[in-house]
Protein backbone atom coordinates (compact mmCIF):
# COMPACT_ATOMS: atom_id res chain seq x y z
CA MET A 1 -22.62 -14.46 23.24
CA LEU A 2 -21.81 -16.17 20.06
CA LEU A 3 -23.65 -18.57 18.08
CA GLU A 4 -22.04 -22.07 17.20
CA THR A 5 -22.02 -20.70 13.42
CA ASP A 6 -20.26 -17.56 14.54
CA GLN A 7 -17.44 -19.35 16.67
CA SER A 8 -16.93 -21.73 13.56
CA TYR A 9 -16.48 -18.59 11.26
CA ILE A 10 -13.94 -17.27 14.07
CA GLN A 11 -11.91 -20.24 14.36
CA ALA A 12 -11.80 -20.96 10.14
CA ALA A 13 -10.54 -16.93 10.11
CA GLN A 14 -7.96 -17.28 12.27
CA GLU A 15 -6.22 -20.47 10.52
CA ASP A 16 -6.63 -18.09 6.86
CA ARG A 17 -2.92 -17.29 7.21
CA CYS A 18 -1.24 -15.31 4.26
CA ALA A 19 2.18 -16.44 5.13
CA PRO A 20 3.70 -19.51 6.95
CA ARG A 21 3.93 -19.14 10.95
CA THR A 22 6.43 -20.64 13.26
CA ARG A 23 6.01 -21.56 16.75
CA LEU A 24 8.89 -20.17 18.84
CA ALA A 25 9.65 -18.28 22.28
CA ILE A 26 11.14 -14.66 21.67
CA PRO A 27 11.18 -12.27 24.73
CA ALA A 28 9.99 -8.94 23.39
CA GLN A 29 8.44 -5.78 24.63
CA LEU A 30 4.70 -5.29 23.43
CA ARG A 31 3.40 -1.38 23.88
CA PRO A 32 -0.32 -0.78 23.12
CA SER A 33 -1.11 2.58 21.95
CA GLY A 34 -1.25 4.83 24.67
CA SER A 35 0.43 2.81 27.42
CA ARG A 36 3.84 1.96 28.50
CA SER A 37 5.93 -1.23 27.29
CA ARG A 38 5.71 -4.43 29.11
CA SER A 39 7.33 -7.36 28.87
CA SER A 40 6.11 -10.34 26.74
CA MET A 41 6.95 -13.57 25.08
CA VAL A 42 6.41 -14.08 21.25
CA HIS A 43 4.65 -17.34 20.55
CA ASP A 44 4.61 -17.39 16.92
CA LEU A 45 5.62 -15.22 14.04
CA SER A 46 5.05 -14.88 10.27
CA LEU A 47 6.10 -12.26 7.60
CA SER A 48 2.38 -10.82 8.68
CA GLY A 49 1.79 -10.83 12.23
CA PHE A 50 2.35 -12.71 15.43
CA SER A 51 0.93 -13.85 18.83
CA ALA A 52 2.04 -13.09 22.09
CA SER A 53 1.36 -13.03 25.75
CA ALA A 54 -0.42 -9.61 26.82
CA ILE A 55 -0.86 -8.93 30.54
CA SER A 56 -3.33 -6.24 29.68
CA ARG A 57 -6.62 -6.44 27.91
CA MET A 58 -6.00 -5.40 24.10
CA HIS A 59 -9.02 -4.46 21.85
CA PRO A 60 -9.44 -5.50 17.87
CA GLY A 61 -8.26 -2.37 16.17
CA GLN A 62 -5.89 -0.99 18.62
CA ILE A 63 -2.36 -0.05 17.37
CA CYS A 64 0.65 -1.38 19.35
CA TRP A 65 4.56 -1.93 18.99
CA LEU A 66 6.31 -4.98 19.44
CA THR A 67 10.23 -4.89 20.07
CA LEU A 68 12.27 -7.88 19.36
CA PRO A 69 16.00 -8.20 20.67
CA THR A 70 18.21 -6.21 18.18
CA LEU A 71 15.17 -4.77 16.07
CA GLU A 72 13.43 -1.42 16.33
CA PRO A 73 9.72 -1.49 17.42
CA LEU A 74 7.28 -2.98 14.73
CA GLN A 75 4.06 -1.21 14.39
CA ALA A 76 1.08 -3.78 14.27
CA GLU A 77 -2.63 -3.90 14.63
CA VAL A 78 -4.56 -6.23 17.33
CA ILE A 79 -7.13 -8.69 15.39
CA TRP A 80 -7.94 -10.71 18.54
CA TRP A 81 -7.36 -10.89 22.23
CA ASP A 82 -8.12 -14.22 24.25
CA ARG A 83 -6.92 -14.81 28.23
CA SER A 84 -3.71 -12.87 27.93
CA GLN A 85 -2.85 -13.74 24.24
CA VAL A 86 -2.93 -11.45 21.64
CA GLY A 87 -2.73 -11.73 18.01
CA CYS A 88 -1.66 -8.93 15.65
CA ALA A 89 -0.95 -8.09 12.07
CA PHE A 90 2.19 -5.80 11.44
CA THR A 91 1.32 -2.68 9.57
CA ASP A 92 4.10 -3.53 7.25
CA LEU A 93 5.33 -7.25 6.39
CA LEU A 94 8.49 -8.02 8.15
CA SER A 95 11.34 -8.73 5.49
CA PRO A 96 11.84 -12.07 4.85
CA ILE A 97 15.45 -11.50 5.61
CA VAL A 98 14.69 -10.19 9.13
CA HIS A 99 12.04 -13.04 9.55
CA ASP A 100 14.69 -15.68 8.60
CA ASN A 101 17.36 -14.18 10.93
CA ILE A 102 14.92 -14.23 13.85
CA LEU A 103 14.09 -17.93 13.01
CA ALA A 104 17.73 -19.02 12.90
CA LEU A 105 18.22 -17.41 16.33
CA TYR A 106 15.08 -18.66 18.18
CA ASN A 107 13.57 -21.44 16.53
CA GLN A 108 14.76 -24.70 17.99
CA ASP A 109 12.38 -26.72 16.62
CA ARG A 110 11.44 -26.10 13.03
CA SER A 111 8.82 -29.01 12.94
CA HIS A 112 6.15 -26.64 14.26
CA ARG A 113 6.64 -24.50 10.95
CA ARG A 114 3.48 -24.60 8.78
CA ALA A 115 2.08 -22.98 5.73
CA VAL A 116 -1.66 -22.53 5.59
């Protein structure tokens, strides 16, 4: 059981981002290490990571691969999992050019982009 101060720290840590993130909806494939790829939906994306739907439980520290349309699989590490949502950090930062191309294709409402 988390103490109130622990929960506050976790929430603050989730907001400490090193790159702007954009809310969007991208159909993708997510493959946890040692498992098969499953359909997923990416909910936000930044140069350093993403959050997505994850039907199977994933654990912090677990390695996974995200495949976005037209891209090779991107390796990432699970940072958090909560009620079928997973947050991951890319092993290598996403290229700004690739990031901007993805946003151009999938981001219909740029009002959700925010820098923290």
